[in-house]
Amino acid sequence: MRYPRYLSAPIIFAVLLLTALAGSTTWADSATNVLPARTDKSSGENILAGPNAPKNDMSDAQSDSPIDSAIIDTLKLWKVEPTAEGVRACLERFIPNDDRMEELYRLVRDLDDDRYTTRESAHRQLLAEPILPPTLLGNVFEEPSPEVVVRFRLIMKRRTQHDPQSLLTAVLRLIEQSKLKGLASEILAVLDFYRGTPRELAAHALAATATIDDIPLLRAAMESDIHTARYAALGPLLRLSKGAAATDLSSLLDDPDEGIRLAAALALADLGNRATLETLIDLLRAQSGMFRYKAIHALRFLTEQEFGYDPWADVEKNKEPIAQWKKWVEENRETCKLTFPVELPRGIPMLADARLSMWKIVMQGNEISADSVAPKIACAGGTLTIAPNVRCYLRSRTGYKNFRLRYQWRFSGGGLNDGGLMLYMTGADTVQGNGLEVQLHMGNAGDLYKIGGFSGNVKTGVRSRMADSSEKPLGEWNEMEVMSRDGRLEIKVNGVVQNRATEMPTDPRSIGIRLEGAAMQFREMILLPLD
């Protein structure tokens, strides 16, 4: 019997709304067996990678460095082979052709069909799609009905458990670490479609894969309206052209994007181009702490001058140092000796990006976007600020093997002053995470706790540290230094050794920031790889 939609829609919409509020859905549960990769059950064929993926003659030879376990875990989850053919097929899946896009548009339109069975069928098919652009709804409807809005939100919410962005991140990192060649065109095409791809991630992957045959492609990318493509292309273009592309880069010194101006300035500085000095001084006022950090170190290296500029300080404190830099360059630009190529510190500022693109935020075992928790979690000027009652953790998208990590933290008070630093995180995201927690709970900073089955030769629990508390009073900044090398771990709090451990993991693993409801801040978090 066919029921009129005007009778069924209110009831269906009510069920959908209640389901969305409850955070679960029956049809989503019934479709989980096809996520995250579509598989033909009759043959076991992985449709995402697929035997019909285009063949190529590029080398699959990997670098001597082991691939991060987090990359391997993600690729296994999506059933993507860590080979050139598998990666190419996966990237092409991120770039639907016109026919495929029209099919997706049709399914979205069917969410508003008069027939319930058609709406339900479209819902199931969209849920089963391995790669689903988040802009689909806006491309089809100017003013979608409430039921369509709720259905689409449920689809996207369910899919966050297997977020395609995490797959793209893993694939780009694999290209970088394995140095797979011949994938430049696919990467640039993906950047056109997924414009939110972190620029450093794209740049490293493109630098690893580009060959001399890609120079025309890289030159075209320099003219792109996609800032990530311009940023990613300029390094390999200059390297592969052996400096012949310097004129292409000169125009980028006036690029509206701060990161592109910095990258162009650093590349041209390595050629002794003096025009970069003014650009680097302008970038001392950049919004991004990472850009300020790199600009000042480049200026100091090039000129061997020092005027007391602090990339993490506020604008007022840096007014005089910036004025001194400007005066010095005006007087000495044409005659001063420049030291190049520039060698920047190997330390990685982990909190320099306001978008937190180096991290994923995990709540209740699922990755969520930074926008969804702003302003409760906010990063600006190299300082991460956490509002009260936030309970989740941040996990670095990159794994680290041997490293030294330094950072400062403080609590704002007004509740339980608790939090933690997570080390050696591995495996799939869970509610608590899996790793070793370095306690930041006030009065117990430096204690160690095993989380999620972590193993190692370590004494854990309250008062497991080696010395009395070396913390500062509430509201003042504390500093922690973590040294992890060849399976040995040492923790210092304000210069005092508080813990040591041995038999720690020696493969690359993520670090994390554990938020347990306290109002607190982190700043000056610099990670130095020791490999």
Protein backbone atom coordinates (compact mmCIF):
# COMPACT_ATOMS: atom_id res chain seq x y z
CA MET A 1 0.00 0.00 0.00
CA ARG A 2 1.42 3.44 -0.91
CA TYR A 3 0.95 6.17 1.68
CA PRO A 4 0.74 9.84 0.68
CA ARG A 5 3.93 11.71 1.58
CA TYR A 6 1.99 14.43 3.37
CA LEU A 7 0.93 11.77 5.94
CA SER A 8 4.28 10.02 6.34
CA ALA A 9 6.70 12.95 6.16
CA PRO A 10 5.96 14.50 9.60
CA ILE A 11 6.32 11.13 11.29
CA ILE A 12 9.48 10.28 9.38
CA PHE A 13 10.95 13.71 10.05
CA ALA A 14 10.25 13.33 13.79
CA VAL A 15 11.98 9.95 13.83
CA LEU A 16 14.95 11.36 11.90
CA LEU A 17 15.26 14.32 14.25
CA LEU A 18 15.13 12.15 17.36
CA THR A 19 17.66 9.81 15.82
CA ALA A 20 20.01 12.68 15.02
CA LEU A 21 19.76 13.95 18.57
CA ALA A 22 20.44 10.47 19.90
CA GLY A 23 23.50 10.16 17.67
CA SER A 24 22.52 6.84 16.07
CA THR A 25 20.41 5.57 13.22
CA THR A 26 19.04 2.19 12.28
CA TRP A 27 19.76 2.43 8.56
CA ALA A 28 23.30 3.63 9.30
CA ASP A 29 23.84 0.58 11.48
CA SER A 30 22.59 -1.67 8.72
CA ALA A 31 25.05 -0.15 6.26
CA THR A 32 28.21 -0.30 8.36
CA ASN A 33 29.34 -3.47 6.65
CA VAL A 34 30.04 -1.52 3.49
CA LEU A 35 32.10 1.20 5.17
CA PRO A 36 34.69 2.50 4.73
CA ALA A 37 35.43 0.86 1.36
CA ARG A 38 32.87 -0.50 -1.05
CA THR A 39 33.39 -4.18 -1.67
CA ASP A 40 31.72 -6.49 -4.16
CA LYS A 41 30.75 -9.31 -1.79
CA SER A 42 30.45 -11.83 -4.60
CA SER A 43 34.08 -11.45 -5.60
CA GLY A 44 35.72 -9.72 -2.62
CA GLU A 45 36.94 -7.03 -5.01
CA ASN A 46 37.85 -3.73 -3.37
CA ILE A 47 36.09 -1.15 -5.53
CA LEU A 48 38.08 1.73 -4.02
CA ALA A 49 41.46 0.43 -5.18
CA GLY A 50 40.18 -2.11 -7.70
CA PRO A 51 42.00 -4.36 -10.16
CA ASN A 52 41.14 -1.95 -12.98
CA ALA A 53 43.20 0.89 -11.51
CA PRO A 54 45.43 2.49 -14.16
CA LYS A 55 48.84 0.87 -14.41
CA ASN A 56 52.02 2.91 -14.43
CA ASP A 57 55.72 2.43 -14.67
CA MET A 58 56.73 4.42 -11.62
CA SER A 59 58.87 2.85 -8.97
CA ASP A 60 57.27 1.40 -5.85
CA ALA A 61 60.59 1.38 -4.05
CA GLN A 62 60.16 2.71 -0.54
CA SER A 63 62.57 4.72 1.53
CA ASP A 64 64.63 3.05 4.25
CA SER A 65 62.52 4.72 6.96
CA PRO A 66 59.62 2.65 8.33
CA ILE A 67 56.13 3.84 7.46
CA ASP A 68 54.16 5.26 10.39
CA SER A 69 51.89 2.64 11.92
CA ALA A 70 49.02 5.17 11.85
CA ILE A 71 49.31 5.35 8.04
CA ILE A 72 49.24 1.58 7.69
CA ASP A 73 46.24 1.32 10.05
CA THR A 74 44.26 3.86 8.02
CA LEU A 75 45.09 2.24 4.67
CA LYS A 76 44.04 -1.17 6.01
CA LEU A 77 40.79 0.32 7.28
CA TRP A 78 40.01 1.61 3.78
CA LYS A 79 41.48 -1.49 2.05
CA VAL A 80 43.98 0.58 0.07
CA GLU A 81 47.18 -1.13 -1.03
CA PRO A 82 50.32 0.89 -0.08
CA THR A 83 51.62 0.70 -3.66
CA ALA A 84 51.82 3.17 -6.52
CA GLU A 85 48.83 1.55 -8.25
CA GLY A 86 46.76 1.48 -5.08
CA VAL A 87 47.56 5.10 -4.26
CA ARG A 88 46.79 6.31 -7.77
CA ALA A 89 43.43 4.54 -7.81
CA CYS A 90 42.61 5.94 -4.37
CA LEU A 91 43.46 9.52 -5.37
CA GLU A 92 41.38 9.21 -8.53
CA ARG A 93 38.47 8.16 -6.36
CA PHE A 94 38.71 11.60 -4.71
CA ILE A 95 38.19 13.24 -8.11
CA PRO A 96 34.75 12.21 -9.42
CA ASN A 97 34.27 12.76 -13.15
CA ASP A 98 31.23 14.55 -14.53
CA ASP A 99 29.17 11.36 -14.84
CA ARG A 100 29.93 10.35 -11.27
CA MET A 101 29.11 13.79 -9.92
CA GLU A 102 25.77 13.76 -11.75
CA GLU A 103 24.99 10.40 -10.16
CA LEU A 104 25.75 11.81 -6.71
CA TYR A 105 23.60 14.85 -7.43
CA ARG A 106 20.76 12.53 -8.45
CA LEU A 107 21.02 10.63 -5.17
CA VAL A 108 20.90 13.88 -3.19
CA ARG A 109 17.82 14.99 -5.17
CA ASP A 110 16.22 11.63 -4.39
CA LEU A 111 16.45 12.45 -0.68
CA ASP A 112 13.53 14.79 -1.40
CA ASP A 113 11.51 12.35 -3.50
CA ASP A 114 7.81 11.85 -2.75
CA ARG A 115 8.33 8.13 -2.29
CA TYR A 116 9.75 6.94 1.02
CA THR A 117 11.44 3.92 -0.56
CA THR A 118 13.30 6.18 -3.01
CA ARG A 119 14.43 8.50 -0.21
CA GLU A 120 15.57 5.55 1.88
CA SER A 121 17.41 3.93 -1.05
CA ALA A 122 19.24 7.19 -1.83
CA HIS A 123 20.17 7.53 1.83
CA ARG A 124 21.68 4.04 1.92
CA GLN A 125 23.62 4.56 -1.31
CA LEU A 126 25.07 7.88 -0.17
CA LEU A 127 26.04 6.35 3.14
CA ALA A 128 27.92 3.59 1.32
CA GLU A 129 29.94 5.99 -0.85
CA PRO A 130 33.65 5.80 0.06
CA ILE A 131 34.28 9.43 -0.93
CA LEU A 132 31.49 11.97 -0.53
CA PRO A 133 32.17 15.71 -1.09
CA PRO A 134 30.63 17.75 1.77
CA THR A 135 29.46 20.44 -0.70
CA LEU A 136 26.94 18.15 -2.41
CA LEU A 137 23.88 19.41 -0.57
CA GLY A 138 24.54 23.08 -1.34
CA ASN A 139 25.22 22.28 -4.99
CA VAL A 140 21.79 20.67 -5.42
CA PHE A 141 19.41 22.65 -3.20
CA GLU A 142 19.28 26.36 -2.46
CA GLU A 143 16.74 25.76 0.32
CA PRO A 144 16.56 22.01 1.12
CA SER A 145 13.60 20.66 3.06
CA PRO A 146 14.05 19.90 6.79
CA GLU A 147 14.00 16.16 6.11
CA VAL A 148 16.76 16.45 3.49
CA VAL A 149 18.87 18.54 5.85
CA VAL A 150 18.51 16.02 8.68
CA ARG A 151 19.17 13.05 6.41
CA PHE A 152 22.32 14.63 4.96
CA ARG A 153 23.60 15.56 8.41
CA LEU A 154 23.05 12.00 9.58
CA ILE A 155 24.93 10.68 6.56
CA MET A 156 27.90 12.98 7.14
CA LYS A 157 27.87 12.39 10.89
CA ARG A 158 27.90 8.63 10.46
CA ARG A 159 30.75 8.92 8.00
CA THR A 160 32.99 10.79 10.47
CA GLN A 161 33.90 7.40 11.93
CA HIS A 162 35.70 6.75 8.63
CA ASP A 163 36.45 10.30 7.57
CA PRO A 164 37.72 10.47 3.96
CA GLN A 165 40.00 13.33 5.05
CA SER A 166 41.88 10.87 7.28
CA LEU A 167 42.35 8.61 4.24
CA LEU A 168 43.62 11.50 2.11
CA THR A 169 46.02 12.46 4.90
CA ALA A 170 47.34 8.90 5.14
CA VAL A 171 47.79 8.62 1.37
CA LEU A 172 49.68 11.91 1.10
CA ARG A 173 51.91 10.95 4.02
CA LEU A 174 52.57 7.57 2.39
CA ILE A 175 53.64 9.32 -0.82
CA GLU A 176 56.03 11.47 1.18
CA GLN A 177 57.53 8.66 3.24
CA SER A 178 57.70 6.09 0.43
CA LYS A 179 58.73 8.67 -2.18
CA LEU A 180 56.30 7.31 -4.77
CA LYS A 181 56.96 9.07 -8.09
CA GLY A 182 54.63 10.22 -10.84
CA LEU A 183 51.60 11.28 -8.80
CA ALA A 184 51.89 15.07 -9.15
CA SER A 185 48.90 15.48 -11.47
CA GLU A 186 46.64 13.42 -9.19
CA ILE A 187 47.70 15.38 -6.10
CA LEU A 188 47.07 18.75 -7.76
CA ALA A 189 43.68 17.55 -9.02
CA VAL A 190 42.71 16.49 -5.49
CA LEU A 191 43.75 19.91 -4.15
CA ASP A 192 41.31 21.47 -6.62
CA PHE A 193 38.49 19.33 -5.28
CA TYR A 194 39.41 19.21 -1.57
CA ARG A 195 40.64 22.74 -1.00
CA GLY A 196 40.91 22.33 2.76
CA THR A 197 43.85 19.90 2.48
CA PRO A 198 46.64 21.03 4.89
CA ARG A 199 49.25 22.85 2.83
CA GLU A 200 52.33 21.34 4.50
CA LEU A 201 50.95 17.87 3.92
CA ALA A 202 50.35 18.63 0.25
CA ALA A 203 53.74 20.31 -0.15
CA HIS A 204 55.68 17.40 1.30
CA ALA A 205 53.82 14.85 -0.82
CA LEU A 206 54.23 16.87 -4.02
CA ALA A 207 57.94 17.45 -3.33
CA ALA A 208 58.41 13.70 -2.89
CA THR A 209 56.56 12.64 -6.04
CA ALA A 210 57.36 15.37 -8.60
CA THR A 211 59.90 14.70 -11.35
CA ILE A 212 61.49 16.89 -14.02
CA ASP A 213 58.66 15.89 -16.38
CA ASP A 214 56.23 17.67 -14.04
CA ILE A 215 57.78 21.14 -14.47
CA PRO A 216 55.04 22.35 -16.89
CA LEU A 217 52.39 21.08 -14.49
CA LEU A 218 54.07 22.85 -11.56
CA ARG A 219 54.34 26.11 -13.53
CA ALA A 220 50.61 25.94 -14.24
CA ALA A 221 49.93 25.34 -10.55
CA MET A 222 51.74 28.59 -9.73
CA GLU A 223 48.96 30.43 -11.58
CA SER A 224 46.19 28.53 -9.79
CA ASP A 225 43.59 30.29 -7.66
CA ILE A 226 44.05 27.50 -5.09
CA HIS A 227 46.51 28.73 -2.49
CA THR A 228 47.45 25.20 -1.39
CA ALA A 229 48.42 24.32 -4.97
CA ARG A 230 50.59 27.43 -5.34
CA TYR A 231 52.24 26.76 -2.00
CA ALA A 232 52.89 23.09 -2.69
CA ALA A 233 54.24 23.65 -6.22
CA LEU A 234 56.81 26.37 -5.65
CA GLY A 235 59.40 24.26 -3.79
CA PRO A 236 59.63 21.35 -6.24
CA LEU A 237 59.42 23.75 -9.21
CA LEU A 238 62.47 25.69 -8.05
CA ARG A 239 64.39 22.52 -7.21
CA LEU A 240 63.62 20.67 -10.44
CA SER A 241 64.27 23.71 -12.64
CA LYS A 242 67.59 24.27 -10.82
CA GLY A 243 66.70 27.90 -10.08
CA ALA A 244 65.47 28.74 -13.58
CA ALA A 245 61.96 29.31 -12.20
CA ALA A 246 63.06 32.15 -9.89
CA THR A 247 61.09 34.68 -11.93
CA ASP A 248 57.95 32.62 -11.39
CA LEU A 249 58.52 32.84 -7.64
CA SER A 250 59.27 36.57 -7.52
CA SER A 251 55.63 37.42 -8.22
CA LEU A 252 54.65 35.38 -5.14
CA LEU A 253 56.43 37.80 -2.81
CA ASP A 254 53.24 39.88 -3.08
CA ASP A 255 50.85 36.93 -2.84
CA PRO A 256 47.85 37.63 -0.57
CA ASP A 257 48.52 34.38 1.29
CA GLU A 258 51.09 34.75 4.10
CA GLY A 259 52.29 31.16 3.83
CA ILE A 260 52.98 31.49 0.11
CA ARG A 261 54.85 34.76 0.61
CA LEU A 262 57.00 33.08 3.26
CA ALA A 263 57.72 30.00 1.14
CA ALA A 264 58.63 32.15 -1.88
CA ALA A 265 60.86 34.39 0.26
CA LEU A 266 62.72 31.42 1.72
CA ALA A 267 63.19 29.82 -1.70
CA LEU A 268 64.49 33.05 -3.23
CA ALA A 269 66.67 33.79 -0.21
CA ASP A 270 68.50 30.55 -0.93
CA LEU A 271 69.46 32.16 -4.27
CA GLY A 272 70.73 35.33 -2.57
CA ASN A 273 67.76 37.46 -3.62
CA ARG A 274 67.86 40.59 -1.41
CA ALA A 275 64.25 41.55 -2.10
CA THR A 276 63.25 38.79 0.29
CA LEU A 277 64.48 40.79 3.31
CA GLU A 278 61.54 43.21 3.17
CA THR A 279 59.10 40.35 2.72
CA LEU A 280 60.50 38.53 5.74
CA ILE A 281 60.24 41.69 7.86
CA ASP A 282 56.61 42.16 6.81
CA LEU A 283 55.97 38.57 7.90
CA LEU A 284 57.10 39.39 11.44
CA ARG A 285 53.51 40.66 11.79
CA ALA A 286 51.96 37.53 10.26
CA GLN A 287 48.86 36.14 11.92
CA SER A 288 50.36 32.65 12.07
CA GLY A 289 52.90 32.05 14.83
CA MET A 290 54.62 29.46 12.66
CA PHE A 291 55.17 32.00 9.89
CA ARG A 292 56.57 34.56 12.36
CA TYR A 293 58.79 31.86 13.84
CA LYS A 294 60.24 30.92 10.45
CA ALA A 295 60.57 34.52 9.25
CA ILE A 296 62.62 35.67 12.23
CA HIS A 297 64.92 32.65 12.10
CA ALA A 298 65.48 33.23 8.39
CA LEU A 299 66.34 36.90 8.99
CA ARG A 300 68.76 36.03 11.78
CA PHE A 301 70.45 33.36 9.66
CA LEU A 302 70.72 35.55 6.55
CA THR A 303 72.03 38.68 8.28
CA GLU A 304 73.51 37.44 11.58
CA GLN A 305 71.62 40.28 13.29
CA GLU A 306 69.52 40.11 16.47
CA PHE A 307 67.10 42.79 17.72
CA GLY A 308 65.17 40.95 20.41
CA TYR A 309 62.12 39.95 18.37
CA ASP A 310 59.96 37.22 19.98
CA PRO A 311 57.64 35.38 17.52
CA TRP A 312 55.34 34.31 20.37
CA ALA A 313 54.99 37.74 22.02
CA ASP A 314 52.16 40.20 21.39
CA VAL A 315 52.33 42.98 18.80
CA GLU A 316 53.12 45.77 21.28
CA LYS A 317 56.19 44.00 22.63
CA ASN A 318 57.57 43.52 19.12
CA LYS A 319 57.02 47.05 17.80
CA GLU A 320 60.53 48.26 18.62
CA PRO A 321 62.35 45.10 17.38
CA ILE A 322 60.45 45.28 14.06
CA ALA A 323 61.33 48.97 13.70
CA GLN A 324 65.00 48.14 14.27
CA TRP A 325 64.87 45.42 11.65
CA LYS A 326 63.35 47.81 9.12
CA LYS A 327 65.95 50.48 9.80
CA TRP A 328 68.83 48.04 9.51
CA VAL A 329 67.59 46.62 6.18
CA GLU A 330 67.03 50.12 4.72
CA GLU A 331 70.63 51.04 5.55
CA ASN A 332 72.35 47.74 4.69
CA ARG A 333 70.22 45.88 2.15
CA GLU A 334 72.52 46.45 -0.85
CA THR A 335 75.84 46.01 0.93
CA CYS A 336 75.36 43.50 3.74
CA LYS A 337 76.75 40.00 3.50
CA LEU A 338 74.03 37.37 3.29
CA THR A 339 74.52 33.82 4.52
CA PHE A 340 72.61 31.30 2.45
CA PRO A 341 71.09 28.80 1.84
CA VAL A 342 68.96 29.41 4.90
CA GLU A 343 68.98 26.73 7.57
CA LEU A 344 65.83 26.90 9.69
CA PRO A 345 65.59 25.17 13.06
CA ARG A 346 64.46 21.59 12.73
CA GLY A 347 62.01 22.10 15.58
CA ILE A 348 58.34 21.85 14.58
CA PRO A 349 55.98 24.42 16.16
CA MET A 350 53.02 22.18 16.94
CA LEU A 351 50.56 24.97 17.81
CA ALA A 352 51.36 27.56 15.17
CA ASP A 353 48.38 26.85 12.91
CA ALA A 354 45.06 28.34 14.01
CA ARG A 355 43.28 25.58 12.07
CA LEU A 356 45.08 22.89 14.10
CA SER A 357 45.71 21.05 10.84
CA MET A 358 48.59 19.07 12.39
CA TRP A 359 46.15 17.49 14.81
CA LYS A 360 42.88 15.64 14.75
CA ILE A 361 40.38 16.25 17.54
CA VAL A 362 38.82 13.05 18.87
CA MET A 363 35.66 13.06 20.99
CA GLN A 364 33.98 9.84 22.09
CA GLY A 365 36.22 7.91 19.71
CA ASN A 366 35.26 9.93 16.60
CA GLU A 367 37.23 12.65 14.84
CA ILE A 368 35.46 16.01 14.83
CA SER A 369 36.32 19.26 13.07
CA ALA A 370 38.02 22.17 14.81
CA ASP A 371 35.15 24.40 13.71
CA SER A 372 32.65 22.23 15.57
CA VAL A 373 34.32 22.91 18.94
CA ALA A 374 35.37 26.53 18.40
CA PRO A 375 35.72 28.70 20.42
CA LYS A 376 35.93 26.17 23.26
CA ILE A 377 39.15 24.93 21.66
CA ALA A 378 40.96 27.85 20.03
CA CYS A 379 44.51 28.28 18.77
CA ALA A 380 45.94 31.75 18.09
CA GLY A 381 49.46 33.17 18.11
CA GLY A 382 50.98 29.83 19.11
CA THR A 383 48.75 29.47 22.18
CA LEU A 384 46.07 26.78 22.53
CA THR A 385 43.25 27.89 24.83
CA ILE A 386 40.78 25.38 26.28
CA ALA A 387 37.47 26.44 27.85
CA PRO A 388 36.09 24.63 30.92
CA ASN A 389 34.22 21.32 30.58
CA VAL A 390 35.87 20.21 27.31
CA ARG A 391 36.58 16.48 27.35
CA CYS A 392 38.35 14.99 24.36
CA TYR A 393 41.90 14.64 23.07
CA LEU A 394 44.04 16.00 20.25
CA ARG A 395 46.18 13.48 18.35
CA SER A 396 48.99 14.43 16.01
CA ARG A 397 48.42 13.34 12.42
CA THR A 398 52.13 12.50 12.12
CA GLY A 399 53.97 9.88 14.14
CA TYR A 400 57.39 10.55 15.66
CA LYS A 401 60.10 8.07 16.58
CA ASN A 402 62.95 9.81 18.43
CA PHE A 403 62.17 13.36 19.54
CA ARG A 404 62.48 16.11 22.11
CA LEU A 405 59.29 17.99 22.95
CA ARG A 406 59.14 21.21 24.93
CA TYR A 407 56.04 23.19 25.82
CA GLN A 408 54.46 25.35 28.49
CA TRP A 409 51.07 24.97 30.14
CA ARG A 410 48.99 26.57 32.85
CA PHE A 411 45.57 26.18 34.44
CA SER A 412 43.10 29.02 34.75
CA GLY A 413 41.46 27.62 37.90
CA GLY A 414 37.78 27.42 38.69
CA GLY A 415 37.51 23.64 38.79
CA LEU A 416 39.49 20.42 38.63
CA ASN A 417 42.88 21.36 37.20
CA ASP A 418 43.50 18.21 35.21
CA GLY A 419 44.88 17.27 31.80
CA GLY A 420 47.66 15.26 30.24
CA LEU A 421 50.18 14.76 27.47
CA MET A 422 49.81 11.51 25.54
CA LEU A 423 52.86 9.73 24.13
CA TYR A 424 53.26 6.72 21.82
CA MET A 425 49.65 6.79 20.63
CA THR A 426 48.80 4.04 18.17
CA GLY A 427 45.89 2.11 16.71
CA ALA A 428 42.39 3.31 15.92
CA ASP A 429 40.91 6.27 17.79
CA THR A 430 38.98 5.27 20.90
CA VAL A 431 37.23 7.15 23.69
CA GLN A 432 40.36 7.24 25.86
CA GLY A 433 43.08 6.71 23.26
CA ASN A 434 45.89 4.19 23.45
CA GLY A 435 49.27 5.32 24.78
CA LEU A 436 51.21 6.57 27.79
CA GLU A 437 49.85 9.62 29.61
CA VAL A 438 52.17 12.14 31.25
CA GLN A 439 50.02 13.63 33.97
CA LEU A 440 49.48 17.40 34.14
CA HIS A 441 47.01 17.27 37.05
CA MET A 442 48.00 20.09 39.38
CA GLY A 443 50.34 18.79 42.07
CA ASN A 444 51.03 15.56 40.16
CA ALA A 445 52.68 16.76 36.93
CA GLY A 446 55.10 14.12 35.71
CA ASP A 447 53.22 11.04 36.92
CA LEU A 448 52.73 8.39 34.24
CA TYR A 449 49.61 6.37 33.40
CA LYS A 450 49.12 3.52 30.92
CA ILE A 451 46.03 4.15 28.79
CA GLY A 452 44.24 1.59 26.62
CA GLY A 453 46.50 -1.41 27.18
CA PHE A 454 49.82 0.39 26.72
CA SER A 455 52.82 -1.69 27.81
CA GLY A 456 56.36 -0.77 28.77
CA ASN A 457 58.82 -0.82 31.65
CA VAL A 458 57.34 2.08 33.55
CA LYS A 459 56.08 2.74 37.06
CA THR A 460 52.64 4.31 36.83
CA GLY A 461 50.05 5.91 39.06
CA VAL A 462 49.84 8.78 41.54
CA ARG A 463 53.23 9.76 42.98
CA SER A 464 55.06 7.64 40.42
CA ARG A 465 57.40 10.55 39.73
CA MET A 466 60.95 10.72 41.05
CA ALA A 467 60.90 14.03 42.95
CA ASP A 468 58.60 16.33 44.88
CA SER A 469 56.32 18.54 42.82
CA SER A 470 58.26 21.14 40.84
CA GLU A 471 55.18 22.95 39.56
CA LYS A 472 54.52 26.66 39.84
CA PRO A 473 51.46 28.22 41.53
CA LEU A 474 48.07 28.20 39.85
CA GLY A 475 47.92 30.61 36.90
CA GLU A 476 51.68 30.65 36.23
CA TRP A 477 53.29 28.98 33.23
CA ASN A 478 55.01 25.61 33.74
CA GLU A 479 57.43 24.04 31.28
CA MET A 480 57.74 20.36 30.44
CA GLU A 481 60.51 18.74 28.41
CA VAL A 482 60.05 15.22 27.05
CA MET A 483 63.00 13.29 25.63
CA SER A 484 62.22 10.03 23.83
CA ARG A 485 65.11 8.24 22.19
CA ASP A 486 65.81 4.60 21.33
CA GLY A 487 63.19 3.30 23.74
CA ARG A 488 64.20 5.51 26.67
CA LEU A 489 61.98 8.24 28.06
CA GLU A 490 62.78 11.16 30.36
CA ILE A 491 60.33 13.77 31.68
CA LYS A 492 61.36 17.14 33.15
CA VAL A 493 58.99 19.62 34.81
CA ASN A 494 60.45 23.12 35.14
CA GLY A 495 63.95 21.66 34.75
CA VAL A 496 63.52 18.91 37.38
CA VAL A 497 63.69 15.26 36.24
CA GLN A 498 60.38 13.79 37.37
CA ASN A 499 60.26 10.46 35.53
CA ARG A 500 62.22 8.00 33.45
CA ALA A 501 61.14 4.85 31.66
CA THR A 502 62.65 2.22 29.40
CA GLU A 503 61.42 -0.30 26.82
CA MET A 504 59.26 2.34 25.19
CA PRO A 505 58.03 1.91 21.58
CA THR A 506 60.65 2.64 18.93
CA ASP A 507 58.38 2.91 15.89
CA PRO A 508 56.88 6.28 14.84
CA ARG A 509 53.79 7.06 16.93
CA SER A 510 51.51 10.03 17.56
CA ILE A 511 51.56 12.40 20.50
CA GLY A 512 48.40 13.82 22.02
CA ILE A 513 46.92 16.43 24.34
CA ARG A 514 44.38 15.07 26.79
CA LEU A 515 41.64 17.48 27.84
CA GLU A 516 39.75 16.53 31.00
CA GLY A 517 37.42 19.45 31.66
CA ALA A 518 39.90 22.02 32.94
CA ALA A 519 40.27 25.58 31.69
CA MET A 520 43.90 25.66 30.56
CA GLN A 521 46.39 26.86 27.97
CA PHE A 522 49.37 25.44 26.09
CA ARG A 523 52.03 27.46 24.27
CA GLU A 524 55.53 27.31 22.73
CA MET A 525 55.10 23.62 21.90
CA ILE A 526 58.14 22.74 19.79
CA LEU A 527 58.93 19.18 18.72
CA LEU A 528 62.48 18.43 17.56
CA PRO A 529 62.86 15.15 15.60
CA LEU A 530 66.11 13.44 16.58
CA ASP A 531 66.32 10.89 13.73
